[in-house]
C-alpha atoms as a PDB file:
ATOM      1  CA  MET A   1     -24.386  -6.727  -3.396  1.00  0.00           C
ATOM      2  CA  ALA A   2     -22.873  -3.510  -4.971  1.00  0.00           C
ATOM      3  CA  ILE A   3     -19.312  -2.688  -4.598  1.00  0.00           C
ATOM      4  CA  ALA A   4     -18.936   0.167  -2.072  1.00  0.00           C
ATOM      5  CA  PHE A   5     -15.869   2.714  -1.230  1.00  0.00           C
ATOM      6  CA  ASP A   6     -15.126   2.908   2.347  1.00  0.00           C
ATOM      7  CA  ALA A   7     -12.274   5.012   3.266  1.00  0.00           C
ATOM      8  CA  VAL A   8      -8.891   6.381   2.144  1.00  0.00           C
ATOM      9  CA  THR A   9      -6.030   6.797   4.139  1.00  0.00           C
ATOM     10  CA  GLY A  10      -3.233   9.163   2.639  1.00  0.00           C
ATOM     11  CA  TYR A  11       0.344   8.806   3.984  1.00  0.00           C
ATOM     12  CA  THR A  12       3.740  10.263   2.559  1.00  0.00           C
ATOM     13  CA  LEU A  13       6.484   7.578   3.170  1.00  0.00           C
ATOM     14  CA  SER A  14       9.510   9.124   4.737  1.00  0.00           C
ATOM     15  CA  GLY A  15      12.179   7.346   2.817  1.00  0.00           C
ATOM     16  CA  THR A  16      13.508   4.994   5.472  1.00  0.00           C
ATOM     17  CA  THR A  17      13.702   1.129   5.199  1.00  0.00           C
ATOM     18  CA  SER A  18      10.095   0.784   6.434  1.00  0.00           C
ATOM     19  CA  ASP A  19       7.148   2.945   7.130  1.00  0.00           C
ATOM     20  CA  THR A  20       4.113   2.305   9.263  1.00  0.00           C
ATOM     21  CA  PHE A  21       0.608   4.095   9.415  1.00  0.00           C
ATOM     22  CA  ALA A  22      -3.031   3.363  10.781  1.00  0.00           C
ATOM     23  CA  HIS A  23      -5.678   2.571   8.626  1.00  0.00           C
ATOM     24  CA  THR A  24      -9.426   1.533   9.562  1.00  0.00           C
ATOM     25  CA  VAL A  25     -11.519  -1.124   7.905  1.00  0.00           C
ATOM     26  CA  THR A  26     -15.156  -1.181   8.603  1.00  0.00           C
ATOM     27  CA  GLY A  27     -17.812  -3.455   6.842  1.00  0.00           C
ATOM     28  CA  ALA A  28     -18.298  -7.111   5.620  1.00  0.00           C
ATOM     29  CA  ASN A  29     -16.753  -8.609   2.665  1.00  0.00           C
ATOM     30  CA  THR A  30     -13.961  -6.327   2.201  1.00  0.00           C
ATOM     31  CA  ILE A  31     -10.916  -5.838   0.528  1.00  0.00           C
ATOM     32  CA  LEU A  32      -7.857  -3.764   1.336  1.00  0.00           C
ATOM     33  CA  TRP A  33      -5.904  -2.055  -1.546  1.00  0.00           C
ATOM     34  CA  VAL A  34      -2.430  -0.243  -0.830  1.00  0.00           C
ATOM     35  CA  CYS A  35      -0.691   1.583  -3.352  1.00  0.00           C
ATOM     36  CA  ALA A  36       3.011   2.986  -2.825  1.00  0.00           C
ATOM     37  CA  GLN A  37       5.489   4.722  -5.020  1.00  0.00           C
ATOM     38  CA  THR A  38       9.093   4.728  -4.564  1.00  0.00           C
ATOM     39  CA  GLY A  39      10.291   8.410  -4.165  1.00  0.00           C
ATOM     40  CA  SER A  40      13.162   8.906  -6.539  1.00  0.00           C
ATOM     41  CA  ALA A  41      15.625   7.048  -8.640  1.00  0.00           C
ATOM     42  CA  GLY A  42      17.726   4.731  -6.855  1.00  0.00           C
ATOM     43  CA  THR A  43      15.320   4.174  -4.063  1.00  0.00           C
ATOM     44  CA  PRO A  44      15.122   0.397  -3.472  1.00  0.00           C
ATOM     45  CA  ALA A  45      12.055  -1.404  -4.510  1.00  0.00           C
ATOM     46  CA  ILE A  46       9.265  -2.106  -1.954  1.00  0.00           C
ATOM     47  CA  SER A  47       9.810  -5.486  -0.558  1.00  0.00           C
ATOM     48  CA  GLY A  48       6.236  -6.177   1.096  1.00  0.00           C
ATOM     49  CA  VAL A  49       3.392  -4.394   2.989  1.00  0.00           C
ATOM     50  CA  THR A  50       1.637  -5.994   5.926  1.00  0.00           C
ATOM     51  CA  TYR A  51      -1.852  -5.154   7.509  1.00  0.00           C
ATOM     52  CA  ASN A  52      -2.157  -6.013  11.161  1.00  0.00           C
ATOM     53  CA  GLY A  53       0.736  -8.186  10.816  1.00  0.00           C
ATOM     54  CA  VAL A  54      -0.763 -10.270   7.928  1.00  0.00           C
ATOM     55  CA  SER A  55       1.196 -10.360   4.556  1.00  0.00           C
ATOM     56  CA  MET A  56      -0.546  -8.543   1.755  1.00  0.00           C
ATOM     57  CA  THR A  57      -0.420  -9.854  -1.852  1.00  0.00           C
ATOM     58  CA  ALA A  58       1.491  -8.008  -4.620  1.00  0.00           C
ATOM     59  CA  ALA A  59      -0.909  -7.565  -7.597  1.00  0.00           C
ATOM     60  CA  ALA A  60       1.134  -5.187  -9.718  1.00  0.00           C
ATOM     61  CA  SER A  61       4.279  -2.885 -10.019  1.00  0.00           C
ATOM     62  CA  SER A  62       4.878  -0.483 -12.727  1.00  0.00           C
ATOM     63  CA  GLY A  63       7.913   1.813 -13.658  1.00  0.00           C
ATOM     64  CA  VAL A  64       7.676   5.425 -14.662  1.00  0.00           C
ATOM     65  CA  GLN A  65      10.329   5.771 -17.607  1.00  0.00           C
ATOM     66  CA  THR A  66      10.086   9.582 -18.644  1.00  0.00           C
ATOM     67  CA  GLY A  67      10.241  13.009 -17.139  1.00  0.00           C
ATOM     68  CA  SER A  68      11.035  14.072 -13.750  1.00  0.00           C
ATOM     69  CA  ASN A  69       9.712  10.813 -12.351  1.00  0.00           C
ATOM     70  CA  ALA A  70      12.094   8.653 -14.346  1.00  0.00           C
ATOM     71  CA  ASN A  71      13.027   5.300 -12.652  1.00  0.00           C
ATOM     72  CA  GLN A  72      10.330   5.549  -9.732  1.00  0.00           C
ATOM     73  CA  ARG A  73       8.254   2.362  -9.247  1.00  0.00           C
ATOM     74  CA  ILE A  74       4.311   2.321  -8.206  1.00  0.00           C
ATOM     75  CA  PHE A  75       3.392  -0.996  -6.119  1.00  0.00           C
ATOM     76  CA  LEU A  76      -0.182  -2.438  -5.688  1.00  0.00           C
ATOM     77  CA  TYR A  77      -1.060  -4.849  -3.029  1.00  0.00           C
ATOM     78  CA  TYR A  78      -4.309  -6.313  -1.616  1.00  0.00           C
ATOM     79  CA  LEU A  79      -5.663  -8.442   1.497  1.00  0.00           C
ATOM     80  CA  VAL A  80      -8.994 -10.041   1.195  1.00  0.00           C
ATOM     81  CA  GLY A  81     -11.003  -9.973   4.219  1.00  0.00           C
ATOM     82  CA  PRO A  82      -8.758  -7.779   6.537  1.00  0.00           C
ATOM     83  CA  ALA A  83      -9.315  -7.390  10.226  1.00  0.00           C
ATOM     84  CA  THR A  84     -11.897  -4.622  11.001  1.00  0.00           C
ATOM     85  CA  GLY A  85     -10.920  -1.615  13.086  1.00  0.00           C
ATOM     86  CA  ALA A  86      -7.859   0.462  13.010  1.00  0.00           C
ATOM     87  CA  HIS A  87      -4.498  -1.452  12.542  1.00  0.00           C
ATOM     88  CA  ASN A  88      -1.258  -0.593  11.024  1.00  0.00           C
ATOM     89  CA  VAL A  89      -0.012  -0.883   7.531  1.00  0.00           C
ATOM     90  CA  VAL A  90       3.768  -1.292   7.390  1.00  0.00           C
ATOM     91  CA  ILE A  91       5.356  -0.951   4.050  1.00  0.00           C
ATOM     92  CA  SER A  92       8.833  -2.465   3.711  1.00  0.00           C
END
């Protein structure tokens, strides 16, 4: 079976303690990836991500150390076999 791209949902975090947006998963044998970036120096780290109330696994995080993006962090989370249909992603 080949790997196939299904869909992307773009969302700008509002800078609150958590943010929620809907994303639709379709198909079988799926994996859901969520990538989030902190907005500015001093922004707290992301403490977790859920999809349909199920905790996602932290895969990696990386810091940006130079330029106008200094001290920002990028976080990558995944969930194998997420529920299909439209459900909420919550980033805390």
